[in-house]
Amino acid sequence: MEELFRRLAAMTPPIWERPIDWSRPVIDNGDGSFSTERTITVGGGPYTNMPSIVNGVELPPDAAVQMHRWGVNEPTGQYPTISQAIAAAMQRSHAKDRPQ
């Protein structure tokens, strides 16, 4: 776990400071909307948000975590409480930088 924290601290800039990458493959939500990113929250303090869509494929939570362990799935943030993690995920999903 300490290695994960060191890697997260060394990221410049952290992915959670970057806007959502709208050039990624999209998932059709079936209601006329689409997603390039969906977020899961894992951990027990700190809580880590990470995408569950990797390379255009929606993964179950355990697979998304495993992809993170393999260095493929970067977290989008780390928070001391579950409520802060959920609020950050919601804020990211309602980002103002969506293409029109």
PDB file of N, CA and C in Angstrom:
ATOM      1  N   MET A   1       0.821  -1.181   0.000  1.00  0.00           N
ATOM      2  CA  MET A   1       0.000   0.000   0.000  1.00  0.00           C
ATOM      3  C   MET A   1       0.870   1.253   0.000  1.00  0.00           C
ATOM      4  N   GLU A   2       1.988   1.228   0.725  1.00  0.00           N
ATOM      5  CA  GLU A   2       2.868   2.394   0.773  1.00  0.00           C
ATOM      6  C   GLU A   2       3.400   2.731  -0.620  1.00  0.00           C
ATOM      7  N   GLU A   3       3.680   1.689  -1.405  1.00  0.00           N
ATOM      8  CA  GLU A   3       4.161   1.936  -2.768  1.00  0.00           C
ATOM      9  C   GLU A   3       3.096   2.657  -3.580  1.00  0.00           C
ATOM     10  N   LEU A   4       1.847   2.280  -3.420  1.00  0.00           N
ATOM     11  CA  LEU A   4       0.746   2.945  -4.109  1.00  0.00           C
ATOM     12  C   LEU A   4       0.705   4.423  -3.738  1.00  0.00           C
ATOM     13  N   PHE A   5       0.826   4.735  -2.448  1.00  0.00           N
ATOM     14  CA  PHE A   5       0.802   6.134  -2.022  1.00  0.00           C
ATOM     15  C   PHE A   5       1.980   6.909  -2.595  1.00  0.00           C
ATOM     16  N   ARG A   6       3.150   6.290  -2.651  1.00  0.00           N
ATOM     17  CA  ARG A   6       4.317   6.965  -3.243  1.00  0.00           C
ATOM     18  C   ARG A   6       4.086   7.229  -4.725  1.00  0.00           C
ATOM     19  N   ARG A   7       3.534   6.241  -5.423  1.00  0.00           N
ATOM     20  CA  ARG A   7       3.259   6.431  -6.853  1.00  0.00           C
ATOM     21  C   ARG A   7       2.239   7.544  -7.061  1.00  0.00           C
ATOM     22  N   LEU A   8       1.188   7.546  -6.246  1.00  0.00           N
ATOM     23  CA  LEU A   8       0.172   8.588  -6.373  1.00  0.00           C
ATOM     24  C   LEU A   8       0.767   9.965  -6.105  1.00  0.00           C
ATOM     25  N   ALA A   9       1.607  10.057  -5.090  1.00  0.00           N
ATOM     26  CA  ALA A   9       2.216  11.342  -4.743  1.00  0.00           C
ATOM     27  C   ALA A   9       3.163  11.826  -5.830  1.00  0.00           C
ATOM     28  N   ALA A  10       3.773  10.901  -6.562  1.00  0.00           N
ATOM     29  CA  ALA A  10       4.761  11.271  -7.581  1.00  0.00           C
ATOM     30  C   ALA A  10       4.120  11.685  -8.906  1.00  0.00           C
ATOM     31  N   MET A  11       2.827  11.411  -9.077  1.00  0.00           N
ATOM     32  CA  MET A  11       2.166  11.750 -10.343  1.00  0.00           C
ATOM     33  C   MET A  11       2.110  13.263 -10.510  1.00  0.00           C
ATOM     34  N   THR A  12       2.525  13.741 -11.690  1.00  0.00           N
ATOM     35  CA  THR A  12       2.532  15.187 -11.931  1.00  0.00           C
ATOM     36  C   THR A  12       1.899  15.475 -13.280  1.00  0.00           C
ATOM     37  N   PRO A  13       0.820  16.227 -13.371  1.00  0.00           N
ATOM     38  CA  PRO A  13      -0.078  16.534 -12.264  1.00  0.00           C
ATOM     39  C   PRO A  13      -0.928  15.318 -11.946  1.00  0.00           C
ATOM     40  N   PRO A  14      -1.517  15.260 -10.773  1.00  0.00           N
ATOM     41  CA  PRO A  14      -2.380  14.124 -10.454  1.00  0.00           C
ATOM     42  C   PRO A  14      -3.533  14.040 -11.453  1.00  0.00           C
ATOM     43  N   ILE A  15      -3.945  12.838 -11.771  1.00  0.00           N
ATOM     44  CA  ILE A  15      -5.016  12.655 -12.757  1.00  0.00           C
ATOM     45  C   ILE A  15      -6.283  13.372 -12.321  1.00  0.00           C
ATOM     46  N   TRP A  16      -6.530  13.472 -11.005  1.00  0.00           N
ATOM     47  CA  TRP A  16      -7.767  14.119 -10.568  1.00  0.00           C
ATOM     48  C   TRP A  16      -7.747  15.615 -10.776  1.00  0.00           C
ATOM     49  N   GLU A  17      -6.601  16.167 -11.139  1.00  0.00           N
ATOM     50  CA  GLU A  17      -6.539  17.575 -11.503  1.00  0.00           C
ATOM     51  C   GLU A  17      -6.683  17.769 -13.011  1.00  0.00           C
ATOM     52  N   ARG A  18      -6.737  16.688 -13.747  1.00  0.00           N
ATOM     53  CA  ARG A  18      -6.893  16.762 -15.196  1.00  0.00           C
ATOM     54  C   ARG A  18      -8.366  16.587 -15.543  1.00  0.00           C
ATOM     55  N   PRO A  19      -8.810  17.211 -16.624  1.00  0.00           N
ATOM     56  CA  PRO A  19     -10.207  17.007 -17.034  1.00  0.00           C
ATOM     57  C   PRO A  19     -10.411  15.594 -17.580  1.00  0.00           C
ATOM     58  N   ILE A  20     -11.664  15.178 -17.657  1.00  0.00           N
ATOM     59  CA  ILE A  20     -11.996  13.886 -18.255  1.00  0.00           C
ATOM     60  C   ILE A  20     -11.526  13.891 -19.701  1.00  0.00           C
ATOM     61  N   ASP A  21     -10.938  12.804 -20.121  1.00  0.00           N
ATOM     62  CA  ASP A  21     -10.436  12.668 -21.494  1.00  0.00           C
ATOM     63  C   ASP A  21     -11.585  12.235 -22.401  1.00  0.00           C
ATOM     64  N   TRP A  22     -12.145  13.201 -23.126  1.00  0.00           N
ATOM     65  CA  TRP A  22     -13.312  12.931 -23.973  1.00  0.00           C
ATOM     66  C   TRP A  22     -12.952  12.229 -25.272  1.00  0.00           C
ATOM     67  N   SER A  23     -11.663  11.976 -25.521  1.00  0.00           N
ATOM     68  CA  SER A  23     -11.276  11.243 -26.728  1.00  0.00           C
ATOM     69  C   SER A  23     -11.288   9.731 -26.489  1.00  0.00           C
ATOM     70  N   ARG A  24     -11.548   9.314 -25.262  1.00  0.00           N
ATOM     71  CA  ARG A  24     -11.609   7.880 -24.954  1.00  0.00           C
ATOM     72  C   ARG A  24     -12.816   7.243 -25.620  1.00  0.00           C
ATOM     73  N   PRO A  25     -12.771   5.913 -25.781  1.00  0.00           N
ATOM     74  CA  PRO A  25     -13.968   5.217 -26.281  1.00  0.00           C
ATOM     75  C   PRO A  25     -15.146   5.462 -25.343  1.00  0.00           C
ATOM     76  N   VAL A  26     -16.338   5.476 -25.901  1.00  0.00           N
ATOM     77  CA  VAL A  26     -17.526   5.775 -25.107  1.00  0.00           C
ATOM     78  C   VAL A  26     -18.387   4.527 -24.922  1.00  0.00           C
ATOM     79  N   ILE A  27     -19.141   4.526 -23.837  1.00  0.00           N
ATOM     80  CA  ILE A  27     -20.113   3.481 -23.540  1.00  0.00           C
ATOM     81  C   ILE A  27     -21.488   4.114 -23.710  1.00  0.00           C
ATOM     82  N   ASP A  28     -22.333   3.489 -24.532  1.00  0.00           N
ATOM     83  CA  ASP A  28     -23.702   3.960 -24.717  1.00  0.00           C
ATOM     84  C   ASP A  28     -24.515   3.547 -23.494  1.00  0.00           C
ATOM     85  N   ASN A  29     -25.117   4.517 -22.813  1.00  0.00           N
ATOM     86  CA  ASN A  29     -25.883   4.232 -21.603  1.00  0.00           C
ATOM     87  C   ASN A  29     -27.296   3.746 -21.890  1.00  0.00           C
ATOM     88  N   GLY A  30     -27.693   3.737 -23.155  1.00  0.00           N
ATOM     89  CA  GLY A  30     -29.015   3.231 -23.521  1.00  0.00           C
ATOM     90  C   GLY A  30     -30.139   4.227 -23.366  1.00  0.00           C
ATOM     91  N   ASP A  31     -29.827   5.411 -22.838  1.00  0.00           N
ATOM     92  CA  ASP A  31     -30.870   6.423 -22.647  1.00  0.00           C
ATOM     93  C   ASP A  31     -30.577   7.679 -23.475  1.00  0.00           C
ATOM     94  N   GLY A  32     -29.685   7.524 -24.459  1.00  0.00           N
ATOM     95  CA  GLY A  32     -29.296   8.665 -25.284  1.00  0.00           C
ATOM     96  C   GLY A  32     -28.046   9.360 -24.775  1.00  0.00           C
ATOM     97  N   SER A  33     -27.599   9.011 -23.598  1.00  0.00           N
ATOM     98  CA  SER A  33     -26.364   9.590 -23.064  1.00  0.00           C
ATOM     99  C   SER A  33     -25.223   8.584 -23.234  1.00  0.00           C
ATOM    100  N   PHE A  34     -24.020   9.042 -22.965  1.00  0.00           N
ATOM    101  CA  PHE A  34     -22.862   8.152 -23.061  1.00  0.00           C
ATOM    102  C   PHE A  34     -21.899   8.469 -21.935  1.00  0.00           C
ATOM    103  N   SER A  35     -20.996   7.535 -21.681  1.00  0.00           N
ATOM    104  CA  SER A  35     -19.983   7.715 -20.646  1.00  0.00           C
ATOM    105  C   SER A  35     -18.620   7.344 -21.193  1.00  0.00           C
ATOM    106  N   THR A  36     -17.617   8.123 -20.836  1.00  0.00           N
ATOM    107  CA  THR A  36     -16.227   7.738 -21.092  1.00  0.00           C
ATOM    108  C   THR A  36     -15.580   7.298 -19.797  1.00  0.00           C
ATOM    109  N   GLU A  37     -16.264   7.585 -18.683  1.00  0.00           N
ATOM    110  CA  GLU A  37     -15.712   7.249 -17.383  1.00  0.00           C
ATOM    111  C   GLU A  37     -16.853   7.005 -16.418  1.00  0.00           C
ATOM    112  N   ARG A  38     -16.762   5.934 -15.677  1.00  0.00           N
ATOM    113  CA  ARG A  38     -17.630   5.675 -14.527  1.00  0.00           C
ATOM    114  C   ARG A  38     -16.689   5.400 -13.372  1.00  0.00           C
ATOM    115  N   THR A  39     -17.107   5.741 -12.191  1.00  0.00           N
ATOM    116  CA  THR A  39     -16.206   5.684 -11.054  1.00  0.00           C
ATOM    117  C   THR A  39     -16.684   4.698 -10.005  1.00  0.00           C
ATOM    118  N   ILE A  40     -15.722   3.962  -9.438  1.00  0.00           N
ATOM    119  CA  ILE A  40     -15.969   3.149  -8.261  1.00  0.00           C
ATOM    120  C   ILE A  40     -15.117   3.723  -7.132  1.00  0.00           C
ATOM    121  N   THR A  41     -15.529   3.498  -5.909  1.00  0.00           N
ATOM    122  CA  THR A  41     -14.766   3.930  -4.743  1.00  0.00           C
ATOM    123  C   THR A  41     -14.370   2.690  -3.965  1.00  0.00           C
ATOM    124  N   VAL A  42     -13.080   2.564  -3.682  1.00  0.00           N
ATOM    125  CA  VAL A  42     -12.562   1.401  -2.964  1.00  0.00           C
ATOM    126  C   VAL A  42     -11.733   1.865  -1.780  1.00  0.00           C
ATOM    127  N   GLY A  43     -11.563   0.974  -0.809  1.00  0.00           N
ATOM    128  CA  GLY A  43     -10.712   1.269   0.338  1.00  0.00           C
ATOM    129  C   GLY A  43     -11.509   1.470   1.589  1.00  0.00           C
ATOM    130  N   GLY A  44     -10.771   1.761   2.648  1.00  0.00           N
ATOM    131  CA  GLY A  44     -11.393   1.957   3.935  1.00  0.00           C
ATOM    132  C   GLY A  44     -10.755   3.111   4.665  1.00  0.00           C
ATOM    133  N   GLY A  45     -10.233   4.029   3.952  1.00  0.00           N
ATOM    134  CA  GLY A  45      -9.575   5.195   4.521  1.00  0.00           C
ATOM    135  C   GLY A  45      -8.072   5.034   4.371  1.00  0.00           C
ATOM    136  N   PRO A  46      -7.469   5.703   3.428  1.00  0.00           N
ATOM    137  CA  PRO A  46      -8.158   6.610   2.508  1.00  0.00           C
ATOM    138  C   PRO A  46      -9.016   5.842   1.501  1.00  0.00           C
ATOM    139  N   TYR A  47      -9.977   6.542   0.948  1.00  0.00           N
ATOM    140  CA  TYR A  47     -10.860   5.994  -0.075  1.00  0.00           C
ATOM    141  C   TYR A  47     -10.353   6.453  -1.434  1.00  0.00           C
ATOM    142  N   THR A  48     -10.293   5.530  -2.367  1.00  0.00           N
ATOM    143  CA  THR A  48      -9.746   5.819  -3.699  1.00  0.00           C
ATOM    144  C   THR A  48     -10.839   5.693  -4.739  1.00  0.00           C
ATOM    145  N   ASN A  49     -10.990   6.723  -5.564  1.00  0.00           N
ATOM    146  CA  ASN A  49     -11.884   6.670  -6.715  1.00  0.00           C
ATOM    147  C   ASN A  49     -11.067   6.230  -7.914  1.00  0.00           C
ATOM    148  N   MET A  50     -11.631   5.326  -8.708  1.00  0.00           N
ATOM    149  CA  MET A  50     -10.965   4.919  -9.938  1.00  0.00           C
ATOM    150  C   MET A  50     -12.003   4.578 -10.986  1.00  0.00           C
ATOM    151  N   PRO A  51     -11.620   4.727 -12.269  1.00  0.00           N
ATOM    152  CA  PRO A  51     -12.556   4.404 -13.340  1.00  0.00           C
ATOM    153  C   PRO A  51     -12.884   2.915 -13.367  1.00  0.00           C
ATOM    154  N   SER A  52     -14.124   2.606 -13.739  1.00  0.00           N
ATOM    155  CA  SER A  52     -14.497   1.215 -13.983  1.00  0.00           C
ATOM    156  C   SER A  52     -14.643   0.951 -15.476  1.00  0.00           C
ATOM    157  N   ILE A  53     -14.423   1.983 -16.302  1.00  0.00           N
ATOM    158  CA  ILE A  53     -14.343   1.808 -17.749  1.00  0.00           C
ATOM    159  C   ILE A  53     -12.869   1.939 -18.110  1.00  0.00           C
ATOM    160  N   VAL A  54     -12.314   0.881 -18.649  1.00  0.00           N
ATOM    161  CA  VAL A  54     -10.895   0.849 -19.011  1.00  0.00           C
ATOM    162  C   VAL A  54     -10.801   0.468 -20.482  1.00  0.00           C
ATOM    163  N   ASN A  55     -10.199   1.355 -21.277  1.00  0.00           N
ATOM    164  CA  ASN A  55     -10.057   1.124 -22.722  1.00  0.00           C
ATOM    165  C   ASN A  55     -11.402   0.817 -23.387  1.00  0.00           C
ATOM    166  N   GLY A  56     -12.447   1.525 -22.945  1.00  0.00           N
ATOM    167  CA  GLY A  56     -13.757   1.388 -23.567  1.00  0.00           C
ATOM    168  C   GLY A  56     -14.574   0.201 -23.100  1.00  0.00           C
ATOM    169  N   VAL A  57     -14.087  -0.527 -22.101  1.00  0.00           N
ATOM    170  CA  VAL A  57     -14.800  -1.698 -21.589  1.00  0.00           C
ATOM    171  C   VAL A  57     -15.151  -1.458 -20.127  1.00  0.00           C
ATOM    172  N   GLU A  58     -16.436  -1.612 -19.785  1.00  0.00           N
ATOM    173  CA  GLU A  58     -16.831  -1.461 -18.384  1.00  0.00           C
ATOM    174  C   GLU A  58     -16.484  -2.739 -17.638  1.00  0.00           C
ATOM    175  N   LEU A  59     -15.722  -2.581 -16.565  1.00  0.00           N
ATOM    176  CA  LEU A  59     -15.250  -3.711 -15.783  1.00  0.00           C
ATOM    177  C   LEU A  59     -15.999  -3.818 -14.463  1.00  0.00           C
ATOM    178  N   PRO A  60     -16.134  -5.050 -13.936  1.00  0.00           N
ATOM    179  CA  PRO A  60     -16.638  -5.166 -12.572  1.00  0.00           C
ATOM    180  C   PRO A  60     -15.600  -4.583 -11.608  1.00  0.00           C
ATOM    181  N   PRO A  61     -16.018  -4.155 -10.416  1.00  0.00           N
ATOM    182  CA  PRO A  61     -15.090  -3.497  -9.503  1.00  0.00           C
ATOM    183  C   PRO A  61     -13.795  -4.264  -9.239  1.00  0.00           C
ATOM    184  N   ASP A  62     -13.874  -5.576  -9.026  1.00  0.00           N
ATOM    185  CA  ASP A  62     -12.647  -6.326  -8.725  1.00  0.00           C
ATOM    186  C   ASP A  62     -11.672  -6.307  -9.898  1.00  0.00           C
ATOM    187  N   ALA A  63     -12.180  -6.323 -11.112  1.00  0.00           N
ATOM    188  CA  ALA A  63     -11.303  -6.257 -12.289  1.00  0.00           C
ATOM    189  C   ALA A  63     -10.706  -4.861 -12.446  1.00  0.00           C
ATOM    190  N   ALA A  64     -11.481  -3.814 -12.144  1.00  0.00           N
ATOM    191  CA  ALA A  64     -10.951  -2.447 -12.221  1.00  0.00           C
ATOM    192  C   ALA A  64      -9.815  -2.260 -11.222  1.00  0.00           C
ATOM    193  N   VAL A  65      -9.977  -2.820 -10.018  1.00  0.00           N
ATOM    194  CA  VAL A  65      -8.917  -2.735  -9.003  1.00  0.00           C
ATOM    195  C   VAL A  65      -7.689  -3.506  -9.466  1.00  0.00           C
ATOM    196  N   GLN A  66      -7.885  -4.690 -10.042  1.00  0.00           N
ATOM    197  CA  GLN A  66      -6.744  -5.472 -10.525  1.00  0.00           C
ATOM    198  C   GLN A  66      -6.008  -4.732 -11.643  1.00  0.00           C
ATOM    199  N   MET A  67      -6.747  -4.089 -12.536  1.00  0.00           N
ATOM    200  CA  MET A  67      -6.104  -3.308 -13.598  1.00  0.00           C
ATOM    201  C   MET A  67      -5.284  -2.175 -12.989  1.00  0.00           C
ATOM    202  N   HIS A  68      -5.782  -1.590 -11.896  1.00  0.00           N
ATOM    203  CA  HIS A  68      -5.014  -0.557 -11.190  1.00  0.00           C
ATOM    204  C   HIS A  68      -3.712  -1.151 -10.652  1.00  0.00           C
ATOM    205  N   ARG A  69      -3.795  -2.318 -10.057  1.00  0.00           N
ATOM    206  CA  ARG A  69      -2.591  -2.969  -9.504  1.00  0.00           C
ATOM    207  C   ARG A  69      -1.565  -3.249 -10.596  1.00  0.00           C
ATOM    208  N   TRP A  70      -2.042  -3.508 -11.793  1.00  0.00           N
ATOM    209  CA  TRP A  70      -1.139  -3.779 -12.921  1.00  0.00           C
ATOM    210  C   TRP A  70      -0.633  -2.496 -13.571  1.00  0.00           C
ATOM    211  N   GLY A  71      -1.065  -1.337 -13.080  1.00  0.00           N
ATOM    212  CA  GLY A  71      -0.598  -0.068 -13.609  1.00  0.00           C
ATOM    213  C   GLY A  71      -1.354   0.434 -14.824  1.00  0.00           C
ATOM    214  N   VAL A  72      -2.515  -0.163 -15.098  1.00  0.00           N
ATOM    215  CA  VAL A  72      -3.291   0.202 -16.288  1.00  0.00           C
ATOM    216  C   VAL A  72      -4.385   1.213 -15.971  1.00  0.00           C
ATOM    217  N   ASN A  73      -4.884   1.231 -14.760  1.00  0.00           N
ATOM    218  CA  ASN A  73      -6.062   2.011 -14.388  1.00  0.00           C
ATOM    219  C   ASN A  73      -5.690   3.023 -13.304  1.00  0.00           C
ATOM    220  N   GLU A  74      -5.441   4.269 -13.696  1.00  0.00           N
ATOM    221  CA  GLU A  74      -5.037   5.308 -12.747  1.00  0.00           C
ATOM    222  C   GLU A  74      -6.217   5.771 -11.898  1.00  0.00           C
ATOM    223  N   PRO A  75      -6.028   5.939 -10.598  1.00  0.00           N
ATOM    224  CA  PRO A  75      -7.095   6.493  -9.758  1.00  0.00           C
ATOM    225  C   PRO A  75      -7.397   7.939 -10.148  1.00  0.00           C
ATOM    226  N   THR A  76      -8.606   8.367  -9.850  1.00  0.00           N
ATOM    227  CA  THR A  76      -8.973   9.759 -10.116  1.00  0.00           C
ATOM    228  C   THR A  76      -8.959  10.604  -8.860  1.00  0.00           C
ATOM    229  N   GLY A  77      -8.672  10.000  -7.715  1.00  0.00           N
ATOM    230  CA  GLY A  77      -8.571  10.768  -6.491  1.00  0.00           C
ATOM    231  C   GLY A  77      -8.507   9.882  -5.269  1.00  0.00           C
ATOM    232  N   GLN A  78      -8.053  10.463  -4.179  1.00  0.00           N
ATOM    233  CA  GLN A  78      -7.955   9.760  -2.912  1.00  0.00           C
ATOM    234  C   GLN A  78      -8.433  10.703  -1.818  1.00  0.00           C
ATOM    235  N   TYR A  79      -9.287  10.194  -0.904  1.00  0.00           N
ATOM    236  CA  TYR A  79      -9.981  11.050   0.053  1.00  0.00           C
ATOM    237  C   TYR A  79     -10.033  10.383   1.420  1.00  0.00           C
ATOM    238  N   PRO A  80     -10.053  11.177   2.488  1.00  0.00           N
ATOM    239  CA  PRO A  80     -10.056  10.604   3.834  1.00  0.00           C
ATOM    240  C   PRO A  80     -11.389   9.975   4.246  1.00  0.00           C
ATOM    241  N   THR A  81     -12.498  10.408   3.635  1.00  0.00           N
ATOM    242  CA  THR A  81     -13.805   9.850   4.014  1.00  0.00           C
ATOM    243  C   THR A  81     -14.556   9.389   2.774  1.00  0.00           C
ATOM    244  N   ILE A  82     -15.463   8.451   2.980  1.00  0.00           N
ATOM    245  CA  ILE A  82     -16.281   7.953   1.875  1.00  0.00           C
ATOM    246  C   ILE A  82     -17.159   9.062   1.310  1.00  0.00           C
ATOM    247  N   SER A  83     -17.679   9.939   2.161  1.00  0.00           N
ATOM    248  CA  SER A  83     -18.548  11.009   1.662  1.00  0.00           C
ATOM    249  C   SER A  83     -17.771  11.979   0.780  1.00  0.00           C
ATOM    250  N   GLN A  84     -16.516  12.282   1.128  1.00  0.00           N
ATOM    251  CA  GLN A  84     -15.697  13.144   0.273  1.00  0.00           C
ATOM    252  C   GLN A  84     -15.395  12.464  -1.056  1.00  0.00           C
ATOM    253  N   ALA A  85     -15.144  11.165  -1.019  1.00  0.00           N
ATOM    254  CA  ALA A  85     -14.854  10.429  -2.256  1.00  0.00           C
ATOM    255  C   ALA A  85     -16.061  10.430  -3.190  1.00  0.00           C
ATOM    256  N   ILE A  86     -17.228  10.185  -2.635  1.00  0.00           N
ATOM    257  CA  ILE A  86     -18.445  10.170  -3.453  1.00  0.00           C
ATOM    258  C   ILE A  86     -18.735  11.562  -3.999  1.00  0.00           C
ATOM    259  N   ALA A  87     -18.588  12.583  -3.183  1.00  0.00           N
ATOM    260  CA  ALA A  87     -18.817  13.959  -3.648  1.00  0.00           C
ATOM    261  C   ALA A  87     -17.859  14.314  -4.779  1.00  0.00           C
ATOM    262  N   ALA A  88     -16.599  13.915  -4.670  1.00  0.00           N
ATOM    263  CA  ALA A  88     -15.618  14.204  -5.722  1.00  0.00           C
ATOM    264  C   ALA A  88     -15.961  13.462  -7.007  1.00  0.00           C
ATOM    265  N   ALA A  89     -16.415  12.232  -6.892  1.00  0.00           N
ATOM    266  CA  ALA A  89     -16.808  11.473  -8.085  1.00  0.00           C
ATOM    267  C   ALA A  89     -17.999  12.122  -8.772  1.00  0.00           C
ATOM    268  N   MET A  90     -18.965  12.576  -7.982  1.00  0.00           N
ATOM    269  CA  MET A  90     -20.140  13.241  -8.562  1.00  0.00           C
ATOM    270  C   MET A  90     -19.736  14.549  -9.232  1.00  0.00           C
ATOM    271  N   GLN A  91     -18.862  15.310  -8.580  1.00  0.00           N
ATOM    272  CA  GLN A  91     -18.411  16.574  -9.160  1.00  0.00           C
ATOM    273  C   GLN A  91     -17.683  16.316 -10.476  1.00  0.00           C
ATOM    274  N   ARG A  92     -16.831  15.304 -10.514  1.00  0.00           N
ATOM    275  CA  ARG A  92     -16.105  14.978 -11.743  1.00  0.00           C
ATOM    276  C   ARG A  92     -17.064  14.574 -12.857  1.00  0.00           C
ATOM    277  N   SER A  93     -18.103  13.821 -12.517  1.00  0.00           N
ATOM    278  CA  SER A  93     -19.038  13.374 -13.550  1.00  0.00           C
ATOM    279  C   SER A  93     -19.898  14.505 -14.091  1.00  0.00           C
ATOM    280  N   HIS A  94     -20.014  15.590 -13.333  1.00  0.00           N
ATOM    281  CA  HIS A  94     -20.783  16.760 -13.782  1.00  0.00           C
ATOM    282  C   HIS A  94     -19.850  17.888 -14.216  1.00  0.00           C
ATOM    283  N   ALA A  95     -18.668  17.506 -14.659  1.00  0.00           N
ATOM    284  CA  ALA A  95     -17.652  18.494 -15.039  1.00  0.00           C
ATOM    285  C   ALA A  95     -18.184  19.445 -16.104  1.00  0.00           C
ATOM    286  N   LYS A  96     -17.742  20.683 -16.002  1.00  0.00           N
ATOM    287  CA  LYS A  96     -18.177  21.709 -16.943  1.00  0.00           C
ATOM    288  C   LYS A  96     -17.421  21.628 -18.280  1.00  0.00           C
ATOM    289  N   ASP A  97     -16.403  20.763 -18.368  1.00  0.00           N
ATOM    290  CA  ASP A  97     -15.583  20.730 -19.569  1.00  0.00           C
ATOM    291  C   ASP A  97     -16.079  19.708 -20.585  1.00  0.00           C
ATOM    292  N   ARG A  98     -17.335  19.274 -20.465  1.00  0.00           N
ATOM    293  CA  ARG A  98     -17.895  18.332 -21.432  1.00  0.00           C
ATOM    294  C   ARG A  98     -18.030  18.997 -22.803  1.00  0.00           C
ATOM    295  N   PRO A  99     -17.791  18.230 -23.857  1.00  0.00           N
ATOM    296  CA  PRO A  99     -17.969  18.815 -25.186  1.00  0.00           C
ATOM    297  C   PRO A  99     -19.445  19.072 -25.464  1.00  0.00           C
ATOM    298  N   GLN A 100     -19.725  20.071 -26.232  1.00  0.00           N
ATOM    299  CA  GLN A 100     -21.112  20.429 -26.564  1.00  0.00           C
ATOM    300  C   GLN A 100     -21.518  19.762 -27.849  1.00  0.00           C
TER     301      GLN A 100
END
